[in-house]
């Protein structure tokens, strides 16, 4: 299936671009994250396990168990604090 991936803030800076379309067999957000990490650098360090990364599916905050669907939009971003 094809998914659109968007990267924000420090993750976008580390990866070097803000979005891409990817053909994937991953069924969940967590599996997609692992697939991207397996690409190697810069994805491996930007999305590494143990790093705090927030995920959204079709512009709604989601956990790694959320199911992907054809044409969905996935977003990766660091936690944001305000003040």
PDB file of N, CA and C in Angstrom:
ATOM      1  N   UNK A   1       0.839  -1.175   0.000  1.00  0.00           N
ATOM      2  CA  UNK A   1       0.000   0.000   0.000  1.00  0.00           C
ATOM      3  C   UNK A   1       0.888   1.243   0.000  1.00  0.00           C
ATOM      4  N   UNK A   2       0.359   2.329  -0.496  1.00  0.00           N
ATOM      5  CA  UNK A   2       1.088   3.600  -0.501  1.00  0.00           C
ATOM      6  C   UNK A   2       0.613   4.464   0.647  1.00  0.00           C
ATOM      7  N   UNK A   3       1.562   5.038   1.367  1.00  0.00           N
ATOM      8  CA  UNK A   3       1.257   5.968   2.462  1.00  0.00           C
ATOM      9  C   UNK A   3       2.094   7.227   2.277  1.00  0.00           C
ATOM     10  N   UNK A   4       1.566   8.327   2.734  1.00  0.00           N
ATOM     11  CA  UNK A   4       2.303   9.593   2.712  1.00  0.00           C
ATOM     12  C   UNK A   4       2.870   9.801   4.108  1.00  0.00           C
ATOM     13  N   UNK A   5       4.153  10.076   4.175  1.00  0.00           N
ATOM     14  CA  UNK A   5       4.811  10.273   5.464  1.00  0.00           C
ATOM     15  C   UNK A   5       5.268  11.717   5.564  1.00  0.00           C
ATOM     16  N   UNK A   6       4.990  12.327   6.708  1.00  0.00           N
ATOM     17  CA  UNK A   6       5.427  13.698   6.966  1.00  0.00           C
ATOM     18  C   UNK A   6       6.309  13.700   8.203  1.00  0.00           C
ATOM     19  N   UNK A   7       7.375  14.469   8.131  1.00  0.00           N
ATOM     20  CA  UNK A   7       8.320  14.604   9.241  1.00  0.00           C
ATOM     21  C   UNK A   7       8.306  16.057   9.691  1.00  0.00           C
ATOM     22  N   UNK A   8       8.339  16.280  11.004  1.00  0.00           N
ATOM     23  CA  UNK A   8       8.265  17.629  11.528  1.00  0.00           C
ATOM     24  C   UNK A   8       9.419  17.941  12.476  1.00  0.00           C
ATOM     25  N   UNK A   9       9.715  19.227  12.579  1.00  0.00           N
ATOM     26  CA  UNK A   9      10.681  19.794  13.531  1.00  0.00           C
ATOM     27  C   UNK A   9      12.052  19.118  13.426  1.00  0.00           C
ATOM     28  N   UNK A  10      12.615  18.695  14.548  1.00  0.00           N
ATOM     29  CA  UNK A  10      13.978  18.142  14.549  1.00  0.00           C
ATOM     30  C   UNK A  10      14.076  16.851  13.736  1.00  0.00           C
ATOM     31  N   UNK A  11      12.984  16.096  13.622  1.00  0.00           N
ATOM     32  CA  UNK A  11      13.009  14.881  12.813  1.00  0.00           C
ATOM     33  C   UNK A  11      13.149  15.252  11.337  1.00  0.00           C
ATOM     34  N   UNK A  12      12.423  16.255  10.898  1.00  0.00           N
ATOM     35  CA  UNK A  12      12.543  16.737   9.514  1.00  0.00           C
ATOM     36  C   UNK A  12      13.960  17.212   9.241  1.00  0.00           C
ATOM     37  N   UNK A  13      14.528  17.955  10.173  1.00  0.00           N
ATOM     38  CA  UNK A  13      15.896  18.456   9.995  1.00  0.00           C
ATOM     39  C   UNK A  13      16.892  17.303   9.897  1.00  0.00           C
ATOM     40  N   UNK A  14      16.729  16.283  10.724  1.00  0.00           N
ATOM     41  CA  UNK A  14      17.655  15.141  10.714  1.00  0.00           C
ATOM     42  C   UNK A  14      17.542  14.333   9.421  1.00  0.00           C
ATOM     43  N   UNK A  15      16.321  14.152   8.939  1.00  0.00           N
ATOM     44  CA  UNK A  15      16.107  13.335   7.746  1.00  0.00           C
ATOM     45  C   UNK A  15      16.422  14.111   6.465  1.00  0.00           C
ATOM     46  N   UNK A  16      16.214  15.411   6.501  1.00  0.00           N
ATOM     47  CA  UNK A  16      16.589  16.230   5.357  1.00  0.00           C
ATOM     48  C   UNK A  16      15.461  16.572   4.408  1.00  0.00           C
ATOM     49  N   UNK A  17      14.260  16.125   4.711  1.00  0.00           N
ATOM     50  CA  UNK A  17      13.091  16.521   3.914  1.00  0.00           C
ATOM     51  C   UNK A  17      11.834  16.363   4.760  1.00  0.00           C
ATOM     52  N   UNK A  18      10.776  17.021   4.338  1.00  0.00           N
ATOM     53  CA  UNK A  18       9.567  17.067   5.142  1.00  0.00           C
ATOM     54  C   UNK A  18       8.529  16.011   4.847  1.00  0.00           C
ATOM     55  N   UNK A  19       8.617  15.377   3.663  1.00  0.00           N
ATOM     56  CA  UNK A  19       7.604  14.375   3.352  1.00  0.00           C
ATOM     57  C   UNK A  19       8.084  13.442   2.246  1.00  0.00           C
ATOM     58  N   UNK A  20       7.417  12.316   2.163  1.00  0.00           N
ATOM     59  CA  UNK A  20       7.680  11.345   1.102  1.00  0.00           C
ATOM     60  C   UNK A  20       6.477  10.424   0.987  1.00  0.00           C
ATOM     61  N   UNK A  21       6.339   9.797  -0.156  1.00  0.00           N
ATOM     62  CA  UNK A  21       5.344   8.754  -0.345  1.00  0.00           C
ATOM     63  C   UNK A  21       6.088   7.436  -0.406  1.00  0.00           C
ATOM     64  N   UNK A  22       5.581   6.458   0.322  1.00  0.00           N
ATOM     65  CA  UNK A  22       6.278   5.184   0.452  1.00  0.00           C
ATOM     66  C   UNK A  22       5.315   4.036   0.168  1.00  0.00           C
ATOM     67  N   UNK A  23       5.784   3.066  -0.577  1.00  0.00           N
ATOM     68  CA  UNK A  23       5.052   1.820  -0.766  1.00  0.00           C
ATOM     69  C   UNK A  23       5.529   0.880   0.335  1.00  0.00           C
ATOM     70  N   UNK A  24       4.605   0.389   1.145  1.00  0.00           N
ATOM     71  CA  UNK A  24       4.972  -0.415   2.307  1.00  0.00           C
ATOM     72  C   UNK A  24       4.066  -1.624   2.459  1.00  0.00           C
ATOM     73  N   UNK A  25       4.595  -2.630   3.131  1.00  0.00           N
ATOM     74  CA  UNK A  25       3.794  -3.788   3.524  1.00  0.00           C
ATOM     75  C   UNK A  25       3.479  -3.733   5.009  1.00  0.00           C
ATOM     76  N   UNK A  26       3.983  -2.714   5.686  1.00  0.00           N
ATOM     77  CA  UNK A  26       3.741  -2.570   7.124  1.00  0.00           C
ATOM     78  C   UNK A  26       2.249  -2.392   7.378  1.00  0.00           C
ATOM     79  N   UNK A  27       1.771  -3.025   8.433  1.00  0.00           N
ATOM     80  CA  UNK A  27       0.354  -2.945   8.747  1.00  0.00           C
ATOM     81  C   UNK A  27       0.004  -1.962   9.840  1.00  0.00           C
ATOM     82  N   UNK A  28       1.013  -1.546  10.623  1.00  0.00           N
ATOM     83  CA  UNK A  28       0.760  -0.634  11.740  1.00  0.00           C
ATOM     84  C   UNK A  28       1.785   0.495  11.746  1.00  0.00           C
ATOM     85  N   UNK A  29       1.511   1.519  12.530  1.00  0.00           N
ATOM     86  CA  UNK A  29       2.466   2.621  12.671  1.00  0.00           C
ATOM     87  C   UNK A  29       3.794   2.121  13.226  1.00  0.00           C
ATOM     88  N   UNK A  30       3.751   1.232  14.194  1.00  0.00           N
ATOM     89  CA  UNK A  30       4.984   0.704  14.781  1.00  0.00           C
ATOM     90  C   UNK A  30       5.823  -0.060  13.774  1.00  0.00           C
ATOM     91  N   UNK A  31       5.164  -0.870  12.947  1.00  0.00           N
ATOM     92  CA  UNK A  31       5.884  -1.623  11.915  1.00  0.00           C
ATOM     93  C   UNK A  31       6.480  -0.680  10.874  1.00  0.00           C
ATOM     94  N   UNK A  32       5.765   0.383  10.545  1.00  0.00           N
ATOM     95  CA  UNK A  32       6.294   1.372   9.606  1.00  0.00           C
ATOM     96  C   UNK A  32       7.514   2.070  10.198  1.00  0.00           C
ATOM     97  N   UNK A  33       7.439   2.422  11.468  1.00  0.00           N
ATOM     98  CA  UNK A  33       8.594   3.041  12.129  1.00  0.00           C
ATOM     99  C   UNK A  33       9.802   2.115  12.054  1.00  0.00           C
ATOM    100  N   UNK A  34       9.600   0.824  12.340  1.00  0.00           N
ATOM    101  CA  UNK A  34      10.698  -0.144  12.264  1.00  0.00           C
ATOM    102  C   UNK A  34      11.244  -0.256  10.840  1.00  0.00           C
ATOM    103  N   UNK A  35      10.353  -0.224   9.859  1.00  0.00           N
ATOM    104  CA  UNK A  35      10.781  -0.275   8.458  1.00  0.00           C
ATOM    105  C   UNK A  35      11.664   0.927   8.106  1.00  0.00           C
ATOM    106  N   UNK A  36      11.263   2.095   8.572  1.00  0.00           N
ATOM    107  CA  UNK A  36      12.051   3.304   8.298  1.00  0.00           C
ATOM    108  C   UNK A  36      13.400   3.249   9.021  1.00  0.00           C
ATOM    109  N   UNK A  37      13.416   2.777  10.260  1.00  0.00           N
ATOM    110  CA  UNK A  37      14.667   2.637  11.010  1.00  0.00           C
ATOM    111  C   UNK A  37      15.618   1.691  10.276  1.00  0.00           C
ATOM    112  N   UNK A  38      15.073   0.627   9.701  1.00  0.00           N
ATOM    113  CA  UNK A  38      15.888  -0.365   8.998  1.00  0.00           C
ATOM    114  C   UNK A  38      16.544   0.191   7.736  1.00  0.00           C
ATOM    115  N   UNK A  39      16.075   1.327   7.252  1.00  0.00           N
ATOM    116  CA  UNK A  39      16.697   1.975   6.092  1.00  0.00           C
ATOM    117  C   UNK A  39      18.120   2.426   6.407  1.00  0.00           C
ATOM    118  N   UNK A  40      18.410   2.607   7.677  1.00  0.00           N
ATOM    119  CA  UNK A  40      19.707   3.138   8.080  1.00  0.00           C
ATOM    120  C   UNK A  40      19.625   4.638   8.263  1.00  0.00           C
ATOM    121  N   UNK A  41      20.784   5.254   8.297  1.00  0.00           N
ATOM    122  CA  UNK A  41      20.832   6.701   8.537  1.00  0.00           C
ATOM    123  C   UNK A  41      20.270   7.472   7.352  1.00  0.00           C
ATOM    124  N   UNK A  42      19.627   8.595   7.611  1.00  0.00           N
ATOM    125  CA  UNK A  42      19.414   9.269   8.895  1.00  0.00           C
ATOM    126  C   UNK A  42      18.166   8.802   9.654  1.00  0.00           C
ATOM    127  N   UNK A  43      17.332   7.965   9.018  1.00  0.00           N
ATOM    128  CA  UNK A  43      16.100   7.511   9.674  1.00  0.00           C
ATOM    129  C   UNK A  43      16.383   6.765  10.973  1.00  0.00           C
ATOM    130  N   UNK A  44      17.441   5.956  10.988  1.00  0.00           N
ATOM    131  CA  UNK A  44      17.734   5.115  12.154  1.00  0.00           C
ATOM    132  C   UNK A  44      17.910   5.939  13.426  1.00  0.00           C
ATOM    133  N   UNK A  45      18.642   7.028  13.347  1.00  0.00           N
ATOM    134  CA  UNK A  45      18.848   7.830  14.560  1.00  0.00           C
ATOM    135  C   UNK A  45      17.667   8.763  14.833  1.00  0.00           C
ATOM    136  N   UNK A  46      17.019   9.272  13.807  1.00  0.00           N
ATOM    137  CA  UNK A  46      15.907  10.207  14.008  1.00  0.00           C
ATOM    138  C   UNK A  46      14.682   9.521  14.615  1.00  0.00           C
ATOM    139  N   UNK A  47      14.462   8.240  14.276  1.00  0.00           N
ATOM    140  CA  UNK A  47      13.266   7.524  14.732  1.00  0.00           C
ATOM    141  C   UNK A  47      13.588   6.377  15.677  1.00  0.00           C
ATOM    142  N   UNK A  48      14.805   6.326  16.182  1.00  0.00           N
ATOM    143  CA  UNK A  48      15.297   5.211  16.995  1.00  0.00           C
ATOM    144  C   UNK A  48      14.366   4.859  18.151  1.00  0.00           C
ATOM    145  N   UNK A  49      14.314   3.568  18.430  1.00  0.00           N
ATOM    146  CA  UNK A  49      13.594   3.095  19.609  1.00  0.00           C
ATOM    147  C   UNK A  49      14.287   3.676  20.830  1.00  0.00           C
ATOM    148  N   UNK A  50      13.524   4.037  21.822  1.00  0.00           N
ATOM    149  CA  UNK A  50      14.085   4.667  23.002  1.00  0.00           C
ATOM    150  C   UNK A  50      14.041   6.184  22.904  1.00  0.00           C
ATOM    151  N   UNK A  51      13.884   6.695  21.689  1.00  0.00           N
ATOM    152  CA  UNK A  51      13.717   8.135  21.478  1.00  0.00           C
ATOM    153  C   UNK A  51      12.243   8.464  21.561  1.00  0.00           C
ATOM    154  N   UNK A  52      11.939   9.578  22.162  1.00  0.00           N
ATOM    155  CA  UNK A  52      10.553   9.992  22.267  1.00  0.00           C
ATOM    156  C   UNK A  52      10.098  10.570  20.926  1.00  0.00           C
ATOM    157  N   UNK A  53       9.203   9.851  20.274  1.00  0.00           N
ATOM    158  CA  UNK A  53       8.666  10.264  18.980  1.00  0.00           C
ATOM    159  C   UNK A  53       7.150  10.156  19.048  1.00  0.00           C
ATOM    160  N   UNK A  54       6.466  11.209  18.638  1.00  0.00           N
ATOM    161  CA  UNK A  54       5.004  11.200  18.592  1.00  0.00           C
ATOM    162  C   UNK A  54       4.582  10.786  17.192  1.00  0.00           C
ATOM    163  N   UNK A  55       3.414  10.159  17.081  1.00  0.00           N
ATOM    164  CA  UNK A  55       2.903   9.699  15.799  1.00  0.00           C
ATOM    165  C   UNK A  55       1.465  10.143  15.612  1.00  0.00           C
ATOM    166  N   UNK A  56       1.132  10.436  14.381  1.00  0.00           N
ATOM    167  CA  UNK A  56      -0.251  10.765  14.040  1.00  0.00           C
ATOM    168  C   UNK A  56      -0.629  10.003  12.781  1.00  0.00           C
ATOM    169  N   UNK A  57      -1.880   9.599  12.723  1.00  0.00           N
ATOM    170  CA  UNK A  57      -2.420   8.923  11.557  1.00  0.00           C
ATOM    171  C   UNK A  57      -3.603   9.741  11.073  1.00  0.00           C
ATOM    172  N   UNK A  58      -3.515  10.216   9.851  1.00  0.00           N
ATOM    173  CA  UNK A  58      -4.551  11.076   9.278  1.00  0.00           C
ATOM    174  C   UNK A  58      -4.906  12.224  10.228  1.00  0.00           C
ATOM    175  N   UNK A  59      -3.874  12.865  10.740  1.00  0.00           N
ATOM    176  CA  UNK A  59      -3.940  14.069  11.576  1.00  0.00           C
ATOM    177  C   UNK A  59      -4.595  13.846  12.936  1.00  0.00           C
ATOM    178  N   UNK A  60      -4.559  12.607  13.426  1.00  0.00           N
ATOM    179  CA  UNK A  60      -5.025  12.307  14.778  1.00  0.00           C
ATOM    180  C   UNK A  60      -3.923  11.569  15.519  1.00  0.00           C
ATOM    181  N   UNK A  61      -3.618  12.010  16.723  1.00  0.00           N
ATOM    182  CA  UNK A  61      -2.599  11.351  17.528  1.00  0.00           C
ATOM    183  C   UNK A  61      -2.947   9.869  17.648  1.00  0.00           C
ATOM    184  N   UNK A  62      -1.938   9.029  17.469  1.00  0.00           N
ATOM    185  CA  UNK A  62      -2.170   7.582  17.473  1.00  0.00           C
ATOM    186  C   UNK A  62      -1.029   6.868  18.171  1.00  0.00           C
ATOM    187  N   UNK A  63      -1.284   5.629  18.588  1.00  0.00           N
ATOM    188  CA  UNK A  63      -0.212   4.816  19.144  1.00  0.00           C
ATOM    189  C   UNK A  63       0.337   3.908  18.045  1.00  0.00           C
ATOM    190  N   UNK A  64       1.382   3.195  18.355  1.00  0.00           N
ATOM    191  CA  UNK A  64       2.062   2.401  17.335  1.00  0.00           C
ATOM    192  C   UNK A  64       1.248   1.215  16.840  1.00  0.00           C
ATOM    193  N   UNK A  65       0.177   0.875  17.524  1.00  0.00           N
ATOM    194  CA  UNK A  65      -0.673  -0.225  17.091  1.00  0.00           C
ATOM    195  C   UNK A  65      -1.723   0.165  16.068  1.00  0.00           C
ATOM    196  N   UNK A  66      -1.833   1.454  15.756  1.00  0.00           N
ATOM    197  CA  UNK A  66      -2.841   1.916  14.802  1.00  0.00           C
ATOM    198  C   UNK A  66      -2.595   1.307  13.422  1.00  0.00           C
ATOM    199  N   UNK A  67      -3.668   0.852  12.797  1.00  0.00           N
ATOM    200  CA  UNK A  67      -3.577   0.191  11.487  1.00  0.00           C
ATOM    201  C   UNK A  67      -3.462   1.208  10.357  1.00  0.00           C
ATOM    202  N   UNK A  68      -2.530   0.925   9.457  1.00  0.00           N
ATOM    203  CA  UNK A  68      -2.367   1.748   8.261  1.00  0.00           C
ATOM    204  C   UNK A  68      -3.379   1.325   7.209  1.00  0.00           C
ATOM    205  N   UNK A  69      -3.741   2.259   6.331  1.00  0.00           N
ATOM    206  CA  UNK A  69      -4.612   1.951   5.197  1.00  0.00           C
ATOM    207  C   UNK A  69      -4.092   2.675   3.962  1.00  0.00           C
ATOM    208  N   UNK A  70      -4.452   2.179   2.831  1.00  0.00           N
ATOM    209  CA  UNK A  70      -4.029   2.752   1.557  1.00  0.00           C
ATOM    210  C   UNK A  70      -4.301   4.256   1.542  1.00  0.00           C
ATOM    211  N   UNK A  71      -3.277   5.024   1.192  1.00  0.00           N
ATOM    212  CA  UNK A  71      -3.423   6.462   1.024  1.00  0.00           C
ATOM    213  C   UNK A  71      -3.421   7.268   2.309  1.00  0.00           C
ATOM    214  N   UNK A  72      -3.193   6.636   3.458  1.00  0.00           N
ATOM    215  CA  UNK A  72      -3.229   7.386   4.716  1.00  0.00           C
ATOM    216  C   UNK A  72      -2.009   8.308   4.840  1.00  0.00           C
ATOM    217  N   UNK A  73      -2.117   9.249   5.764  1.00  0.00           N
ATOM    218  CA  UNK A  73      -1.015  10.159   6.061  1.00  0.00           C
ATOM    219  C   UNK A  73      -0.495   9.853   7.454  1.00  0.00           C
ATOM    220  N   UNK A  74       0.806   9.638   7.541  1.00  0.00           N
ATOM    221  CA  UNK A  74       1.475   9.345   8.804  1.00  0.00           C
ATOM    222  C   UNK A  74       2.400  10.511   9.116  1.00  0.00           C
ATOM    223  N   UNK A  75       2.405  10.962  10.362  1.00  0.00           N
ATOM    224  CA  UNK A  75       3.300  12.048  10.768  1.00  0.00           C
ATOM    225  C   UNK A  75       4.156  11.599  11.946  1.00  0.00           C
ATOM    226  N   UNK A  76       5.432  11.949  11.888  1.00  0.00           N
ATOM    227  CA  UNK A  76       6.379  11.703  12.967  1.00  0.00           C
ATOM    228  C   UNK A  76       6.877  13.052  13.457  1.00  0.00           C
ATOM    229  N   UNK A  77       6.854  13.268  14.775  1.00  0.00           N
ATOM    230  CA  UNK A  77       7.368  14.526  15.309  1.00  0.00           C
ATOM    231  C   UNK A  77       7.801  14.331  16.757  1.00  0.00           C
ATOM    232  N   UNK A  78       8.726  15.183  17.209  1.00  0.00           N
ATOM    233  CA  UNK A  78       9.161  15.084  18.596  1.00  0.00           C
ATOM    234  C   UNK A  78       8.087  15.655  19.519  1.00  0.00           C
ATOM    235  N   UNK A  79       8.137  15.286  20.802  1.00  0.00           N
ATOM    236  CA  UNK A  79       7.190  15.882  21.748  1.00  0.00           C
ATOM    237  C   UNK A  79       7.376  17.403  21.757  1.00  0.00           C
ATOM    238  N   UNK A  80       6.296  18.092  21.919  1.00  0.00           N
ATOM    239  CA  UNK A  80       6.320  19.552  21.906  1.00  0.00           C
ATOM    240  C   UNK A  80       5.881  20.056  23.268  1.00  0.00           C
ATOM    241  N   UNK A  81       6.594  21.022  23.786  1.00  0.00           N
ATOM    242  CA  UNK A  81       6.176  21.645  25.032  1.00  0.00           C
ATOM    243  C   UNK A  81       5.863  23.106  24.755  1.00  0.00           C
ATOM    244  N   UNK A  82       5.010  23.643  25.525  1.00  0.00           N
ATOM    245  CA  UNK A  82       4.627  25.040  25.349  1.00  0.00           C
ATOM    246  C   UNK A  82       4.831  25.800  26.633  1.00  0.00           C
ATOM    247  N   UNK A  83       4.660  27.066  26.540  1.00  0.00           N
ATOM    248  CA  UNK A  83       4.847  27.837  27.751  1.00  0.00           C
ATOM    249  C   UNK A  83       4.211  29.170  27.678  1.00  0.00           C
TER     250      UNK A  83
END
